[in-house]
PDB file of N, CA and C in Angstrom:
ATOM      1  N   UNK A   1     -12.235  22.887 -26.444  1.00  0.00           N
ATOM      2  CA  UNK A   1     -11.289  21.905 -26.352  1.00  0.00           C
ATOM      3  C   UNK A   1     -11.018  20.611 -25.894  1.00  0.00           C
ATOM      4  N   UNK A   2     -10.209  20.110 -26.587  1.00  0.00           N
ATOM      5  CA  UNK A   2      -9.955  18.345 -26.905  1.00  0.00           C
ATOM      6  C   UNK A   2      -9.796  18.233 -25.458  1.00  0.00           C
ATOM      7  N   UNK A   3     -10.107  16.845 -24.579  1.00  0.00           N
ATOM      8  CA  UNK A   3      -8.922  16.742 -23.673  1.00  0.00           C
ATOM      9  C   UNK A   3      -8.409  15.571 -24.116  1.00  0.00           C
ATOM     10  N   UNK A   4      -7.171  16.007 -23.097  1.00  0.00           N
ATOM     11  CA  UNK A   4      -5.811  15.089 -23.129  1.00  0.00           C
ATOM     12  C   UNK A   4      -6.386  13.764 -23.633  1.00  0.00           C
ATOM     13  N   UNK A   5      -5.341  12.810 -24.537  1.00  0.00           N
ATOM     14  CA  UNK A   5      -5.853  11.499 -24.673  1.00  0.00           C
ATOM     15  C   UNK A   5      -5.795  10.712 -23.208  1.00  0.00           C
ATOM     16  N   UNK A   6      -5.121  11.558 -22.933  1.00  0.00           N
ATOM     17  CA  UNK A   6      -4.622  10.832 -20.897  1.00  0.00           C
ATOM     18  C   UNK A   6      -5.336  11.036 -19.975  1.00  0.00           C
ATOM     19  N   UNK A   7      -6.059  11.749 -20.258  1.00  0.00           N
ATOM     20  CA  UNK A   7      -7.364  12.306 -19.430  1.00  0.00           C
ATOM     21  C   UNK A   7      -8.198  11.453 -20.006  1.00  0.00           C
ATOM     22  N   UNK A   8      -8.765  11.343 -20.766  1.00  0.00           N
ATOM     23  CA  UNK A   8      -9.958  10.534 -21.627  1.00  0.00           C
ATOM     24  C   UNK A   8      -9.629   9.191 -21.071  1.00  0.00           C
ATOM     25  N   UNK A   9      -8.447   8.776 -21.315  1.00  0.00           N
ATOM     26  CA  UNK A   9      -7.613   6.994 -21.185  1.00  0.00           C
ATOM     27  C   UNK A   9      -7.934   7.182 -19.448  1.00  0.00           C
ATOM     28  N   UNK A  10      -7.637   7.840 -18.612  1.00  0.00           N
ATOM     29  CA  UNK A  10      -7.802   7.431 -16.936  1.00  0.00           C
ATOM     30  C   UNK A  10      -9.333   8.434 -16.597  1.00  0.00           C
ATOM     31  N   UNK A  11      -9.921   8.589 -16.877  1.00  0.00           N
ATOM     32  CA  UNK A  11     -11.671   9.058 -17.331  1.00  0.00           C
ATOM     33  C   UNK A  11     -12.117   7.303 -17.379  1.00  0.00           C
ATOM     34  N   UNK A  12     -11.508   6.904 -18.157  1.00  0.00           N
ATOM     35  CA  UNK A  12     -12.070   5.248 -18.735  1.00  0.00           C
ATOM     36  C   UNK A  12     -12.052   4.197 -17.619  1.00  0.00           C
ATOM     37  N   UNK A  13     -10.681   4.010 -16.959  1.00  0.00           N
ATOM     38  CA  UNK A  13     -10.044   3.990 -15.771  1.00  0.00           C
ATOM     39  C   UNK A  13     -10.798   4.233 -14.938  1.00  0.00           C
ATOM     40  N   UNK A  14     -11.551   5.129 -14.334  1.00  0.00           N
ATOM     41  CA  UNK A  14     -11.664   5.787 -13.057  1.00  0.00           C
ATOM     42  C   UNK A  14     -13.372   4.762 -13.276  1.00  0.00           C
ATOM     43  N   UNK A  15     -13.636   4.931 -14.860  1.00  0.00           N
ATOM     44  CA  UNK A  15     -15.315   4.845 -14.897  1.00  0.00           C
ATOM     45  C   UNK A  15     -14.699   2.735 -14.450  1.00  0.00           C
ATOM     46  N   UNK A  16     -14.244   2.567 -15.130  1.00  0.00           N
ATOM     47  CA  UNK A  16     -14.845   1.683 -15.070  1.00  0.00           C
ATOM     48  C   UNK A  16     -14.359   0.908 -13.247  1.00  0.00           C
ATOM     49  N   UNK A  17     -13.584   1.300 -13.110  1.00  0.00           N
ATOM     50  CA  UNK A  17     -13.073   0.576 -11.003  1.00  0.00           C
ATOM     51  C   UNK A  17     -14.530   0.833 -10.648  1.00  0.00           C
ATOM     52  N   UNK A  18     -15.201   2.519 -11.050  1.00  0.00           N
ATOM     53  CA  UNK A  18     -16.158   3.180  -9.991  1.00  0.00           C
ATOM     54  C   UNK A  18     -17.238   1.945 -10.578  1.00  0.00           C
ATOM     55  N   UNK A  19     -17.006   1.623 -11.451  1.00  0.00           N
ATOM     56  CA  UNK A  19     -18.336   0.464 -12.271  1.00  0.00           C
ATOM     57  C   UNK A  19     -18.657  -0.078 -11.455  1.00  0.00           C
ATOM     58  N   UNK A  20     -17.637  -1.562 -11.629  1.00  0.00           N
ATOM     59  CA  UNK A  20     -16.915  -1.876 -11.237  1.00  0.00           C
ATOM     60  C   UNK A  20     -17.587  -2.276  -9.546  1.00  0.00           C
ATOM     61  N   UNK A  21     -17.512  -1.440  -8.488  1.00  0.00           N
ATOM     62  CA  UNK A  21     -17.569  -0.895  -7.366  1.00  0.00           C
ATOM     63  C   UNK A  21     -19.594  -0.984  -6.792  1.00  0.00           C
ATOM     64  N   UNK A  22     -19.765  -0.444  -7.829  1.00  0.00           N
ATOM     65  CA  UNK A  22     -21.580  -0.231  -7.780  1.00  0.00           C
ATOM     66  C   UNK A  22     -22.647  -0.970  -8.439  1.00  0.00           C
ATOM     67  N   UNK A  23     -21.481  -2.585  -9.092  1.00  0.00           N
ATOM     68  CA  UNK A  23     -22.211  -3.519  -9.436  1.00  0.00           C
ATOM     69  C   UNK A  23     -21.520  -4.557  -8.453  1.00  0.00           C
ATOM     70  N   UNK A  24     -20.660  -4.608  -7.365  1.00  0.00           N
ATOM     71  CA  UNK A  24     -20.442  -5.269  -6.437  1.00  0.00           C
ATOM     72  C   UNK A  24     -21.572  -5.637  -5.173  1.00  0.00           C
ATOM     73  N   UNK A  25     -22.069  -6.645  -5.577  1.00  0.00           N
ATOM     74  CA  UNK A  25     -23.391  -7.113  -4.121  1.00  0.00           C
ATOM     75  C   UNK A  25     -23.296  -7.512  -2.621  1.00  0.00           C
ATOM     76  N   UNK A  26     -22.327  -7.120  -2.630  1.00  0.00           N
ATOM     77  CA  UNK A  26     -21.387  -7.141  -1.202  1.00  0.00           C
ATOM     78  C   UNK A  26     -21.598  -6.201  -0.624  1.00  0.00           C
ATOM     79  N   UNK A  27     -21.517  -4.749  -1.327  1.00  0.00           N
ATOM     80  CA  UNK A  27     -21.525  -3.925  -0.727  1.00  0.00           C
ATOM     81  C   UNK A  27     -23.343  -3.492  -0.494  1.00  0.00           C
ATOM     82  N   UNK A  28     -22.852  -3.217   0.678  1.00  0.00           N
ATOM     83  CA  UNK A  28     -24.933  -2.054   0.665  1.00  0.00           C
ATOM     84  C   UNK A  28     -25.451  -1.458  -0.250  1.00  0.00           C
ATOM     85  N   UNK A  29     -26.808  -1.607  -1.009  1.00  0.00           N
ATOM     86  CA  UNK A  29     -27.096  -0.144  -1.890  1.00  0.00           C
ATOM     87  C   UNK A  29     -26.898   1.184  -1.721  1.00  0.00           C
ATOM     88  N   UNK A  30     -27.340   1.556  -0.350  1.00  0.00           N
ATOM     89  CA  UNK A  30     -26.667   3.398   0.351  1.00  0.00           C
ATOM     90  C   UNK A  30     -25.228   3.618  -0.169  1.00  0.00           C
ATOM     91  N   UNK A  31     -24.282   2.298   0.212  1.00  0.00           N
ATOM     92  CA  UNK A  31     -22.955   2.197  -0.215  1.00  0.00           C
ATOM     93  C   UNK A  31     -22.327   2.447  -1.735  1.00  0.00           C
ATOM     94  N   UNK A  32     -22.741   2.058  -2.435  1.00  0.00           N
ATOM     95  CA  UNK A  32     -22.328   1.544  -3.716  1.00  0.00           C
ATOM     96  C   UNK A  32     -23.177   3.470  -4.136  1.00  0.00           C
ATOM     97  N   UNK A  33     -24.144   3.544  -3.946  1.00  0.00           N
ATOM     98  CA  UNK A  33     -24.701   5.377  -4.286  1.00  0.00           C
ATOM     99  C   UNK A  33     -23.524   6.077  -3.913  1.00  0.00           C
ATOM    100  N   UNK A  34     -22.969   6.009  -2.395  1.00  0.00           N
ATOM    101  CA  UNK A  34     -22.312   6.666  -2.390  1.00  0.00           C
ATOM    102  C   UNK A  34     -20.919   6.952  -2.747  1.00  0.00           C
ATOM    103  N   UNK A  35     -21.069   5.709  -3.118  1.00  0.00           N
ATOM    104  CA  UNK A  35     -19.576   5.190  -3.979  1.00  0.00           C
ATOM    105  C   UNK A  35     -19.740   6.154  -5.396  1.00  0.00           C
ATOM    106  N   UNK A  36     -20.981   6.026  -5.761  1.00  0.00           N
ATOM    107  CA  UNK A  36     -21.012   6.826  -7.454  1.00  0.00           C
ATOM    108  C   UNK A  36     -20.904   8.533  -7.225  1.00  0.00           C
ATOM    109  N   UNK A  37     -21.417   8.441  -6.305  1.00  0.00           N
ATOM    110  CA  UNK A  37     -21.138   9.840  -6.271  1.00  0.00           C
ATOM    111  C   UNK A  37     -19.603  10.709  -6.029  1.00  0.00           C
ATOM    112  N   UNK A  38     -18.792   9.945  -5.241  1.00  0.00           N
ATOM    113  CA  UNK A  38     -17.107  10.244  -5.647  1.00  0.00           C
ATOM    114  C   UNK A  38     -16.540  10.279  -6.869  1.00  0.00           C
ATOM    115  N   UNK A  39     -16.901   9.328  -8.033  1.00  0.00           N
ATOM    116  CA  UNK A  39     -17.235   9.329  -9.132  1.00  0.00           C
ATOM    117  C   UNK A  39     -16.188  10.627  -9.898  1.00  0.00           C
ATOM    118  N   UNK A  40     -16.816  11.644  -9.604  1.00  0.00           N
ATOM    119  CA  UNK A  40     -16.573  13.571 -10.082  1.00  0.00           C
ATOM    120  C   UNK A  40     -14.964  13.771  -9.237  1.00  0.00           C
ATOM    121  N   UNK A  41     -14.408  13.257  -8.037  1.00  0.00           N
ATOM    122  CA  UNK A  41     -13.659  13.297  -7.235  1.00  0.00           C
ATOM    123  C   UNK A  41     -12.928  12.779  -7.825  1.00  0.00           C
ATOM    124  N   UNK A  42     -13.239  11.280  -7.724  1.00  0.00           N
ATOM    125  CA  UNK A  42     -11.786  10.930  -8.551  1.00  0.00           C
ATOM    126  C   UNK A  42     -10.842  10.860  -9.741  1.00  0.00           C
ATOM    127  N   UNK A  43     -12.239  10.881 -10.332  1.00  0.00           N
ATOM    128  CA  UNK A  43     -11.506  11.784 -11.113  1.00  0.00           C
ATOM    129  C   UNK A  43     -10.271  12.497 -11.720  1.00  0.00           C
ATOM    130  N   UNK A  44     -11.039  13.106 -10.644  1.00  0.00           N
ATOM    131  CA  UNK A  44     -10.210  14.746 -10.883  1.00  0.00           C
ATOM    132  C   UNK A  44      -9.063  14.823  -9.722  1.00  0.00           C
ATOM    133  N   UNK A  45      -9.068  13.663  -8.904  1.00  0.00           N
ATOM    134  CA  UNK A  45      -7.604  13.187  -7.913  1.00  0.00           C
ATOM    135  C   UNK A  45      -6.860  12.273  -9.083  1.00  0.00           C
ATOM    136  N   UNK A  46      -7.015  11.681  -9.733  1.00  0.00           N
ATOM    137  CA  UNK A  46      -6.351  11.217 -10.938  1.00  0.00           C
ATOM    138  C   UNK A  46      -5.774  11.549 -12.336  1.00  0.00           C
ATOM    139  N   UNK A  47      -6.338  13.233 -12.264  1.00  0.00           N
ATOM    140  CA  UNK A  47      -6.215  14.292 -13.441  1.00  0.00           C
ATOM    141  C   UNK A  47      -5.082  14.380 -12.856  1.00  0.00           C
ATOM    142  N   UNK A  48      -5.028  14.753 -11.896  1.00  0.00           N
ATOM    143  CA  UNK A  48      -4.441  16.141 -11.253  1.00  0.00           C
ATOM    144  C   UNK A  48      -3.392  15.464 -10.480  1.00  0.00           C
ATOM    145  N   UNK A  49      -3.218  13.956  -9.571  1.00  0.00           N
ATOM    146  CA  UNK A  49      -2.162  13.311  -9.680  1.00  0.00           C
ATOM    147  C   UNK A  49      -2.089  12.235 -10.336  1.00  0.00           C
ATOM    148  N   UNK A  50      -1.042  12.019 -11.155  1.00  0.00           N
ATOM    149  CA  UNK A  50      -1.445  10.104 -12.223  1.00  0.00           C
ATOM    150  C   UNK A  50      -0.408   9.729 -11.320  1.00  0.00           C
ATOM    151  N   UNK A  51       0.073   9.344 -10.077  1.00  0.00           N
ATOM    152  CA  UNK A  51      -0.032   8.063  -9.457  1.00  0.00           C
ATOM    153  C   UNK A  51      -1.209   7.624  -8.626  1.00  0.00           C
ATOM    154  N   UNK A  52      -2.390   8.371  -8.997  1.00  0.00           N
ATOM    155  CA  UNK A  52      -3.670   8.111  -8.376  1.00  0.00           C
ATOM    156  C   UNK A  52      -3.547   6.267  -8.937  1.00  0.00           C
ATOM    157  N   UNK A  53      -3.378   6.103  -9.708  1.00  0.00           N
ATOM    158  CA  UNK A  53      -3.308   4.243 -10.027  1.00  0.00           C
ATOM    159  C   UNK A  53      -2.153   3.314  -9.943  1.00  0.00           C
ATOM    160  N   UNK A  54      -1.436   4.509 -10.046  1.00  0.00           N
ATOM    161  CA  UNK A  54       0.505   3.685  -9.518  1.00  0.00           C
ATOM    162  C   UNK A  54       0.346   3.466  -8.194  1.00  0.00           C
ATOM    163  N   UNK A  55       0.097   4.576  -7.730  1.00  0.00           N
ATOM    164  CA  UNK A  55       0.738   4.178  -5.823  1.00  0.00           C
ATOM    165  C   UNK A  55      -0.825   3.892  -5.547  1.00  0.00           C
ATOM    166  N   UNK A  56      -0.758   2.178  -4.613  1.00  0.00           N
ATOM    167  CA  UNK A  56      -1.615   1.950  -3.248  1.00  0.00           C
ATOM    168  C   UNK A  56      -1.753   3.098  -2.146  1.00  0.00           C
ATOM    169  N   UNK A  57      -0.969   3.676  -2.093  1.00  0.00           N
ATOM    170  CA  UNK A  57      -0.287   4.388  -1.333  1.00  0.00           C
ATOM    171  C   UNK A  57      -1.573   5.933  -0.892  1.00  0.00           C
ATOM    172  N   UNK A  58      -1.846   6.016  -1.976  1.00  0.00           N
ATOM    173  CA  UNK A  58      -2.632   7.735  -2.812  1.00  0.00           C
ATOM    174  C   UNK A  58      -3.998   8.032  -1.662  1.00  0.00           C
ATOM    175  N   UNK A  59      -3.735   8.942  -0.977  1.00  0.00           N
ATOM    176  CA  UNK A  59      -4.860   8.391  -0.235  1.00  0.00           C
ATOM    177  C   UNK A  59      -6.352   8.637  -0.581  1.00  0.00           C
ATOM    178  N   UNK A  60      -6.677   9.000  -1.773  1.00  0.00           N
ATOM    179  CA  UNK A  60      -7.797   8.886  -2.696  1.00  0.00           C
ATOM    180  C   UNK A  60      -8.538   7.072  -2.622  1.00  0.00           C
ATOM    181  N   UNK A  61      -6.994   6.902  -3.554  1.00  0.00           N
ATOM    182  CA  UNK A  61      -7.221   5.667  -3.258  1.00  0.00           C
ATOM    183  C   UNK A  61      -7.324   4.596  -1.770  1.00  0.00           C
ATOM    184  N   UNK A  62      -6.954   4.904  -0.955  1.00  0.00           N
ATOM    185  CA  UNK A  62      -7.187   4.470   0.345  1.00  0.00           C
ATOM    186  C   UNK A  62      -7.932   4.527   0.853  1.00  0.00           C
ATOM    187  N   UNK A  63      -8.498   5.716   1.138  1.00  0.00           N
ATOM    188  CA  UNK A  63     -10.320   6.125   1.182  1.00  0.00           C
ATOM    189  C   UNK A  63     -11.465   5.210   1.154  1.00  0.00           C
ATOM    190  N   UNK A  64     -10.963   5.191  -0.589  1.00  0.00           N
ATOM    191  CA  UNK A  64     -11.942   4.327  -1.246  1.00  0.00           C
ATOM    192  C   UNK A  64     -11.529   2.579  -0.633  1.00  0.00           C
ATOM    193  N   UNK A  65     -10.764   2.381  -0.761  1.00  0.00           N
ATOM    194  CA  UNK A  65     -10.056   0.560  -0.257  1.00  0.00           C
ATOM    195  C   UNK A  65     -10.757   0.302   1.161  1.00  0.00           C
ATOM    196  N   UNK A  66     -11.009   2.083   1.619  1.00  0.00           N
ATOM    197  CA  UNK A  66     -10.883   1.489   3.694  1.00  0.00           C
ATOM    198  C   UNK A  66     -12.835   2.024   3.908  1.00  0.00           C
ATOM    199  N   UNK A  67     -13.411   2.713   2.162  1.00  0.00           N
ATOM    200  CA  UNK A  67     -14.559   2.163   2.491  1.00  0.00           C
ATOM    201  C   UNK A  67     -15.589   1.015   2.257  1.00  0.00           C
ATOM    202  N   UNK A  68     -14.754   0.623   1.037  1.00  0.00           N
ATOM    203  CA  UNK A  68     -15.362  -0.748   0.622  1.00  0.00           C
ATOM    204  C   UNK A  68     -15.064  -1.819   1.731  1.00  0.00           C
ATOM    205  N   UNK A  69     -13.960  -2.104   2.048  1.00  0.00           N
ATOM    206  CA  UNK A  69     -14.038  -3.223   3.747  1.00  0.00           C
ATOM    207  C   UNK A  69     -15.075  -2.837   3.942  1.00  0.00           C
ATOM    208  N   UNK A  70     -14.798  -1.860   4.705  1.00  0.00           N
ATOM    209  CA  UNK A  70     -16.335  -1.519   5.607  1.00  0.00           C
ATOM    210  C   UNK A  70     -17.232  -1.762   5.082  1.00  0.00           C
ATOM    211  N   UNK A  71     -17.775  -0.929   4.551  1.00  0.00           N
ATOM    212  CA  UNK A  71     -19.446  -1.644   3.414  1.00  0.00           C
ATOM    213  C   UNK A  71     -19.298  -3.231   3.891  1.00  0.00           C
ATOM    214  N   UNK A  72     -18.703  -3.735   3.330  1.00  0.00           N
ATOM    215  CA  UNK A  72     -18.574  -4.952   3.257  1.00  0.00           C
ATOM    216  C   UNK A  72     -18.618  -5.925   4.296  1.00  0.00           C
ATOM    217  N   UNK A  73     -17.534  -5.775   5.809  1.00  0.00           N
ATOM    218  CA  UNK A  73     -17.791  -6.614   6.595  1.00  0.00           C
ATOM    219  C   UNK A  73     -19.107  -6.656   7.492  1.00  0.00           C
ATOM    220  N   UNK A  74     -19.940  -7.856   7.230  1.00  0.00           N
ATOM    221  CA  UNK A  74     -21.369  -7.773   8.329  1.00  0.00           C
ATOM    222  C   UNK A  74     -20.761  -7.324   9.763  1.00  0.00           C
ATOM    223  N   UNK A  75     -20.209  -7.117  10.159  1.00  0.00           N
ATOM    224  CA  UNK A  75     -20.026  -6.983  11.737  1.00  0.00           C
ATOM    225  C   UNK A  75     -20.561  -5.251  11.655  1.00  0.00           C
TER     226      UNK A  75
END
């Protein structure tokens, strides 16, 4: 069964966001690897809850933001 077009678009958006994070040289390599492992879970969260991208307070977005901020902090 073909995926819904919105699911495909969501997958593309999640992939682009995670590609950007994995290419961020400010983040240590182990963190970028772990972020890459979160891609499938983020895709599922975005498909199940369409507010994933629209809501900056979405728990999954807040988690990813916190991981990225903490990993980039030299202290």
